[in-house]
Amino acid sequence: MNILSFFINNFHKLPPKSYQKFLELKEFNNKDTLTKTGDKPTDLYILKKGIVRSYYEDENGKEYIRSLFVPFSSTGSFGALVSNKNSLLTYQCLTDCELYVINYKKLKELALVDNDIAVMYANALESIFLLFEKKIYNLSVLDATERYKELKKEIPNIENIIPQYHIASYLNISAVQLSRIRKKIYSK
């Protein structure tokens, strides 16, 4: 729980008994789905081990990865939870994963009666906002090579963990483009 404590305390210092009220550790297998497009989710997650992706499918069945989540980050269809609507994305494990499961309704109820949890929740929302702002910036301003380099900083050994087509989808490029980028970078 030490890394979990560190993760949670980045938002607001909480005594372990506070976050034990809303967290449960569960194991998931590669390709397990946390939330499907169109489902109304009930849980948020903190990733302890593994990689999770969020993606959507177009009408032809082509998948577009919107985010990759690595240990210790939060994941889940947060927008759907906040708005009490169905998820626009699917959240799927790309590897075997261990996730702390947070029942969103229970967390919100606890935030009403526990000031520390309320402050932690507000700070976590700010952090999520900043992450999405960075993601939008990267997609808008950085070229594919720069986005790949940023991804490699975040997940240095990603090529050994998930298939290349997932990496290319996340970068919003084709697998051929990714191969060219990698060849250019590693031939220097």
C-alpha atoms as a PDB file:
ATOM      1  CA  MET A   1       0.000   0.000   0.000  1.00  0.00           C
ATOM      2  CA  ASN A   2       3.015   2.363   0.201  1.00  0.00           C
ATOM      3  CA  ILE A   3       2.900   3.288  -3.512  1.00  0.00           C
ATOM      4  CA  LEU A   4      -0.884   3.645  -3.281  1.00  0.00           C
ATOM      5  CA  SER A   5      -0.492   5.946  -0.273  1.00  0.00           C
ATOM      6  CA  PHE A   6       2.012   8.026  -2.229  1.00  0.00           C
ATOM      7  CA  PHE A   7      -0.362   8.211  -5.231  1.00  0.00           C
ATOM      8  CA  ILE A   8      -3.373   9.271  -3.151  1.00  0.00           C
ATOM      9  CA  ASN A   9      -1.357  11.650  -0.997  1.00  0.00           C
ATOM     10  CA  ASN A  10      -0.259  13.488  -4.148  1.00  0.00           C
ATOM     11  CA  PHE A  11      -3.799  14.829  -4.193  1.00  0.00           C
ATOM     12  CA  HIS A  12      -4.293  15.266  -0.449  1.00  0.00           C
ATOM     13  CA  LYS A  13      -2.803  13.545   2.594  1.00  0.00           C
ATOM     14  CA  LEU A  14      -5.257  10.880   3.699  1.00  0.00           C
ATOM     15  CA  PRO A  15      -4.925   8.482   6.587  1.00  0.00           C
ATOM     16  CA  PRO A  16      -4.971   4.861   5.327  1.00  0.00           C
ATOM     17  CA  LYS A  17      -8.273   4.211   7.119  1.00  0.00           C
ATOM     18  CA  SER A  18      -9.915   6.886   4.927  1.00  0.00           C
ATOM     19  CA  TYR A  19      -8.972   5.426   1.558  1.00  0.00           C
ATOM     20  CA  GLN A  20      -9.548   1.883   2.723  1.00  0.00           C
ATOM     21  CA  LYS A  21     -13.228   2.903   2.932  1.00  0.00           C
ATOM     22  CA  PHE A  22     -13.515   3.172  -0.842  1.00  0.00           C
ATOM     23  CA  LEU A  23     -10.759   0.961  -2.355  1.00  0.00           C
ATOM     24  CA  GLU A  24     -10.681  -2.733  -3.201  1.00  0.00           C
ATOM     25  CA  LEU A  25      -7.794  -4.460  -5.032  1.00  0.00           C
ATOM     26  CA  LYS A  26      -8.808  -6.805  -7.877  1.00  0.00           C
ATOM     27  CA  GLU A  27      -6.942  -8.740 -10.556  1.00  0.00           C
ATOM     28  CA  PHE A  28      -7.923  -8.619 -14.227  1.00  0.00           C
ATOM     29  CA  ASN A  29      -6.645 -10.655 -17.160  1.00  0.00           C
ATOM     30  CA  ASN A  30      -5.272  -9.462 -20.470  1.00  0.00           C
ATOM     31  CA  LYS A  31      -8.201  -8.357 -22.684  1.00  0.00           C
ATOM     32  CA  ASP A  32     -10.651  -8.078 -19.755  1.00  0.00           C
ATOM     33  CA  THR A  33     -12.991  -5.148 -20.264  1.00  0.00           C
ATOM     34  CA  LEU A  34     -13.541  -2.698 -17.423  1.00  0.00           C
ATOM     35  CA  THR A  35     -16.239  -0.684 -19.197  1.00  0.00           C
ATOM     36  CA  LYS A  36     -17.752  -1.101 -22.672  1.00  0.00           C
ATOM     37  CA  THR A  37     -18.914   1.665 -24.960  1.00  0.00           C
ATOM     38  CA  GLY A  38     -22.586   2.256 -24.181  1.00  0.00           C
ATOM     39  CA  ASP A  39     -22.420   0.847 -20.646  1.00  0.00           C
ATOM     40  CA  LYS A  40     -23.175   2.973 -17.614  1.00  0.00           C
ATOM     41  CA  PRO A  41     -20.090   2.542 -15.403  1.00  0.00           C
ATOM     42  CA  THR A  42     -20.093   2.380 -11.608  1.00  0.00           C
ATOM     43  CA  ASP A  43     -16.361   2.250 -10.850  1.00  0.00           C
ATOM     44  CA  LEU A  44     -13.126   4.167 -11.221  1.00  0.00           C
ATOM     45  CA  TYR A  45      -9.766   2.443 -11.035  1.00  0.00           C
ATOM     46  CA  ILE A  46      -6.214   3.077  -9.897  1.00  0.00           C
ATOM     47  CA  LEU A  47      -3.827   0.917 -11.868  1.00  0.00           C
ATOM     48  CA  LYS A  48      -1.309  -0.914  -9.682  1.00  0.00           C
ATOM     49  CA  LYS A  49       0.146  -3.240 -12.344  1.00  0.00           C
ATOM     50  CA  GLY A  50      -0.278  -3.570 -16.113  1.00  0.00           C
ATOM     51  CA  ILE A  51      -1.540  -1.369 -18.946  1.00  0.00           C
ATOM     52  CA  VAL A  52      -5.114  -0.346 -19.732  1.00  0.00           C
ATOM     53  CA  ARG A  53      -6.326   1.372 -22.883  1.00  0.00           C
ATOM     54  CA  SER A  54      -9.386   3.423 -23.668  1.00  0.00           C
ATOM     55  CA  TYR A  55     -10.642   3.301 -27.237  1.00  0.00           C
ATOM     56  CA  TYR A  56     -13.598   3.723 -29.518  1.00  0.00           C
ATOM     57  CA  GLU A  57     -14.595   1.868 -32.656  1.00  0.00           C
ATOM     58  CA  ASP A  58     -15.836   3.490 -35.838  1.00  0.00           C
ATOM     59  CA  GLU A  59     -18.755   2.101 -37.828  1.00  0.00           C
ATOM     60  CA  ASN A  60     -16.337  -0.175 -39.750  1.00  0.00           C
ATOM     61  CA  GLY A  61     -14.955  -1.711 -36.563  1.00  0.00           C
ATOM     62  CA  LYS A  62     -11.614   0.136 -36.674  1.00  0.00           C
ATOM     63  CA  GLU A  63     -10.330   0.883 -33.172  1.00  0.00           C
ATOM     64  CA  TYR A  64      -8.856   4.224 -32.129  1.00  0.00           C
ATOM     65  CA  ILE A  65      -6.943   4.291 -28.843  1.00  0.00           C
ATOM     66  CA  ARG A  66      -7.496   7.516 -26.944  1.00  0.00           C
ATOM     67  CA  SER A  67      -5.408   6.821 -23.849  1.00  0.00           C
ATOM     68  CA  LEU A  68      -2.946   4.360 -22.385  1.00  0.00           C
ATOM     69  CA  PHE A  69      -2.880   4.031 -18.610  1.00  0.00           C
ATOM     70  CA  VAL A  70       0.144   2.779 -16.703  1.00  0.00           C
ATOM     71  CA  PRO A  71       0.772   2.120 -13.025  1.00  0.00           C
ATOM     72  CA  PHE A  72      -0.113   4.380 -10.767  1.00  0.00           C
ATOM     73  CA  SER A  73      -2.609   6.321 -12.813  1.00  0.00           C
ATOM     74  CA  SER A  74      -6.351   6.477 -12.540  1.00  0.00           C
ATOM     75  CA  THR A  75      -8.514   5.063 -15.291  1.00  0.00           C
ATOM     76  CA  GLY A  76     -12.148   4.469 -16.094  1.00  0.00           C
ATOM     77  CA  SER A  77     -14.951   6.296 -17.812  1.00  0.00           C
ATOM     78  CA  PHE A  78     -14.817   9.322 -15.565  1.00  0.00           C
ATOM     79  CA  GLY A  79     -16.877  11.558 -17.852  1.00  0.00           C
ATOM     80  CA  ALA A  80     -19.691   9.009 -17.897  1.00  0.00           C
ATOM     81  CA  LEU A  81     -19.567   8.672 -14.107  1.00  0.00           C
ATOM     82  CA  VAL A  82     -19.670  12.427 -13.508  1.00  0.00           C
ATOM     83  CA  SER A  83     -22.469  13.009 -16.022  1.00  0.00           C
ATOM     84  CA  ASN A  84     -24.322   9.789 -15.098  1.00  0.00           C
ATOM     85  CA  LYS A  85     -24.382   8.785 -18.770  1.00  0.00           C
ATOM     86  CA  ASN A  86     -23.227   5.837 -20.820  1.00  0.00           C
ATOM     87  CA  SER A  87     -19.543   5.527 -21.631  1.00  0.00           C
ATOM     88  CA  LEU A  88     -18.358   6.810 -24.994  1.00  0.00           C
ATOM     89  CA  LEU A  89     -15.235   4.644 -24.796  1.00  0.00           C
ATOM     90  CA  THR A  90     -14.280   1.083 -23.978  1.00  0.00           C
ATOM     91  CA  TYR A  91     -11.670   0.514 -21.253  1.00  0.00           C
ATOM     92  CA  GLN A  92      -9.723  -2.720 -21.691  1.00  0.00           C
ATOM     93  CA  CYS A  93      -6.703  -4.359 -20.077  1.00  0.00           C
ATOM     94  CA  LEU A  94      -3.838  -4.799 -22.560  1.00  0.00           C
ATOM     95  CA  THR A  95      -1.915  -6.946 -20.080  1.00  0.00           C
ATOM     96  CA  ASP A  96      -2.754  -8.799 -16.896  1.00  0.00           C
ATOM     97  CA  CYS A  97      -3.579  -6.029 -14.423  1.00  0.00           C
ATOM     98  CA  GLU A  98      -4.067  -5.327 -10.760  1.00  0.00           C
ATOM     99  CA  LEU A  99      -6.407  -2.429 -10.148  1.00  0.00           C
ATOM    100  CA  TYR A 100      -7.770  -0.719  -7.096  1.00  0.00           C
ATOM    101  CA  VAL A 101     -11.490  -0.463  -7.714  1.00  0.00           C
ATOM    102  CA  ILE A 102     -13.326   2.619  -6.450  1.00  0.00           C
ATOM    103  CA  ASN A 103     -17.098   2.629  -6.405  1.00  0.00           C
ATOM    104  CA  TYR A 104     -17.799   6.163  -7.628  1.00  0.00           C
ATOM    105  CA  LYS A 105     -21.138   6.559  -5.826  1.00  0.00           C
ATOM    106  CA  LYS A 106     -19.577   5.465  -2.534  1.00  0.00           C
ATOM    107  CA  LEU A 107     -16.652   7.866  -3.047  1.00  0.00           C
ATOM    108  CA  LYS A 108     -19.045  10.777  -3.652  1.00  0.00           C
ATOM    109  CA  GLU A 109     -21.058   9.869  -0.541  1.00  0.00           C
ATOM    110  CA  LEU A 110     -17.872   9.718   1.552  1.00  0.00           C
ATOM    111  CA  ALA A 111     -16.766  13.099   0.158  1.00  0.00           C
ATOM    112  CA  LEU A 112     -19.923  14.634   1.633  1.00  0.00           C
ATOM    113  CA  VAL A 113     -19.041  13.510   5.157  1.00  0.00           C
ATOM    114  CA  ASP A 114     -15.233  13.314   5.149  1.00  0.00           C
ATOM    115  CA  ASN A 115     -13.486  16.618   4.418  1.00  0.00           C
ATOM    116  CA  ASP A 116     -10.153  14.923   3.670  1.00  0.00           C
ATOM    117  CA  ILE A 117     -11.772  12.729   1.017  1.00  0.00           C
ATOM    118  CA  ALA A 118     -13.571  15.779  -0.425  1.00  0.00           C
ATOM    119  CA  VAL A 119     -10.294  17.712  -0.775  1.00  0.00           C
ATOM    120  CA  MET A 120      -8.530  14.669  -2.251  1.00  0.00           C
ATOM    121  CA  TYR A 121     -11.384  14.253  -4.769  1.00  0.00           C
ATOM    122  CA  ALA A 122     -11.273  17.935  -5.803  1.00  0.00           C
ATOM    123  CA  ASN A 123      -7.499  17.795  -6.242  1.00  0.00           C
ATOM    124  CA  ALA A 124      -7.781  14.576  -8.258  1.00  0.00           C
ATOM    125  CA  LEU A 125     -10.277  16.291 -10.588  1.00  0.00           C
ATOM    126  CA  GLU A 126      -7.798  19.111 -11.152  1.00  0.00           C
ATOM    127  CA  SER A 127      -5.091  16.580 -11.952  1.00  0.00           C
ATOM    128  CA  ILE A 128      -7.334  14.786 -14.470  1.00  0.00           C
ATOM    129  CA  PHE A 129      -8.103  18.113 -16.137  1.00  0.00           C
ATOM    130  CA  LEU A 130      -4.375  18.885 -16.483  1.00  0.00           C
ATOM    131  CA  LEU A 131      -3.682  15.437 -17.971  1.00  0.00           C
ATOM    132  CA  PHE A 132      -6.381  15.893 -20.611  1.00  0.00           C
ATOM    133  CA  GLU A 133      -5.144  19.382 -21.388  1.00  0.00           C
ATOM    134  CA  LYS A 134      -1.649  17.961 -21.989  1.00  0.00           C
ATOM    135  CA  LYS A 135      -3.070  15.184 -24.172  1.00  0.00           C
ATOM    136  CA  ILE A 136      -4.990  17.686 -26.319  1.00  0.00           C
ATOM    137  CA  TYR A 137      -1.891  19.867 -26.606  1.00  0.00           C
ATOM    138  CA  ASN A 138       0.279  16.903 -27.658  1.00  0.00           C
ATOM    139  CA  LEU A 139      -2.203  15.798 -30.325  1.00  0.00           C
ATOM    140  CA  SER A 140      -2.612  19.358 -31.614  1.00  0.00           C
ATOM    141  CA  VAL A 141       0.978  20.603 -31.577  1.00  0.00           C
ATOM    142  CA  LEU A 142       3.429  17.694 -31.613  1.00  0.00           C
ATOM    143  CA  ASP A 143       4.182  15.709 -34.729  1.00  0.00           C
ATOM    144  CA  ALA A 144       4.074  11.907 -34.676  1.00  0.00           C
ATOM    145  CA  THR A 145       7.790  11.534 -33.916  1.00  0.00           C
ATOM    146  CA  GLU A 146       7.549  13.909 -30.957  1.00  0.00           C
ATOM    147  CA  ARG A 147       4.427  12.089 -29.659  1.00  0.00           C
ATOM    148  CA  TYR A 148       6.302   8.778 -29.923  1.00  0.00           C
ATOM    149  CA  LYS A 149       9.252  10.194 -27.985  1.00  0.00           C
ATOM    150  CA  GLU A 150       6.876  11.468 -25.279  1.00  0.00           C
ATOM    151  CA  LEU A 151       5.276   8.023 -25.057  1.00  0.00           C
ATOM    152  CA  LYS A 152       8.719   6.403 -24.749  1.00  0.00           C
ATOM    153  CA  LYS A 153       9.523   8.752 -21.852  1.00  0.00           C
ATOM    154  CA  GLU A 154       6.329   7.679 -20.102  1.00  0.00           C
ATOM    155  CA  ILE A 155       6.634   3.953 -20.926  1.00  0.00           C
ATOM    156  CA  PRO A 156      10.276   3.271 -21.929  1.00  0.00           C
ATOM    157  CA  ASN A 157       9.819  -0.419 -22.808  1.00  0.00           C
ATOM    158  CA  ILE A 158       6.369  -0.167 -24.387  1.00  0.00           C
ATOM    159  CA  GLU A 159       7.402  -2.145 -27.487  1.00  0.00           C
ATOM    160  CA  ASN A 160       8.022  -5.152 -25.225  1.00  0.00           C
ATOM    161  CA  ILE A 161       4.648  -4.867 -23.509  1.00  0.00           C
ATOM    162  CA  ILE A 162       1.944  -4.207 -26.107  1.00  0.00           C
ATOM    163  CA  PRO A 163       1.621  -4.808 -29.867  1.00  0.00           C
ATOM    164  CA  GLN A 164       2.896  -2.197 -32.324  1.00  0.00           C
ATOM    165  CA  TYR A 165      -0.557  -1.630 -33.814  1.00  0.00           C
ATOM    166  CA  HIS A 166      -1.797  -0.458 -30.398  1.00  0.00           C
ATOM    167  CA  ILE A 167       1.111   1.977 -30.137  1.00  0.00           C
ATOM    168  CA  ALA A 168       0.389   3.295 -33.638  1.00  0.00           C
ATOM    169  CA  SER A 169      -3.308   3.679 -32.853  1.00  0.00           C
ATOM    170  CA  TYR A 170      -2.512   5.594 -29.675  1.00  0.00           C
ATOM    171  CA  LEU A 171      -0.220   7.921 -31.633  1.00  0.00           C
ATOM    172  CA  ASN A 172      -2.962   8.357 -34.259  1.00  0.00           C
ATOM    173  CA  ILE A 173      -0.723   7.045 -37.049  1.00  0.00           C
ATOM    174  CA  SER A 174      -0.483   3.889 -39.131  1.00  0.00           C
ATOM    175  CA  ALA A 175       1.733   0.955 -38.202  1.00  0.00           C
ATOM    176  CA  VAL A 176       3.842   1.735 -41.293  1.00  0.00           C
ATOM    177  CA  GLN A 177       4.385   5.312 -40.096  1.00  0.00           C
ATOM    178  CA  LEU A 178       5.401   4.012 -36.663  1.00  0.00           C
ATOM    179  CA  SER A 179       7.891   1.627 -38.248  1.00  0.00           C
ATOM    180  CA  ARG A 180       9.444   4.510 -40.219  1.00  0.00           C
ATOM    181  CA  ILE A 181       9.644   6.704 -37.107  1.00  0.00           C
ATOM    182  CA  ARG A 182      11.303   3.946 -35.095  1.00  0.00           C
ATOM    183  CA  LYS A 183      13.765   3.188 -37.916  1.00  0.00           C
ATOM    184  CA  LYS A 184      14.701   6.867 -38.196  1.00  0.00           C
ATOM    185  CA  ILE A 185      15.181   7.277 -34.427  1.00  0.00           C
ATOM    186  CA  TYR A 186      17.124   4.073 -33.853  1.00  0.00           C
ATOM    187  CA  SER A 187      19.348   4.385 -36.933  1.00  0.00           C
ATOM    188  CA  LYS A 188      20.955   7.548 -35.543  1.00  0.00           C
END
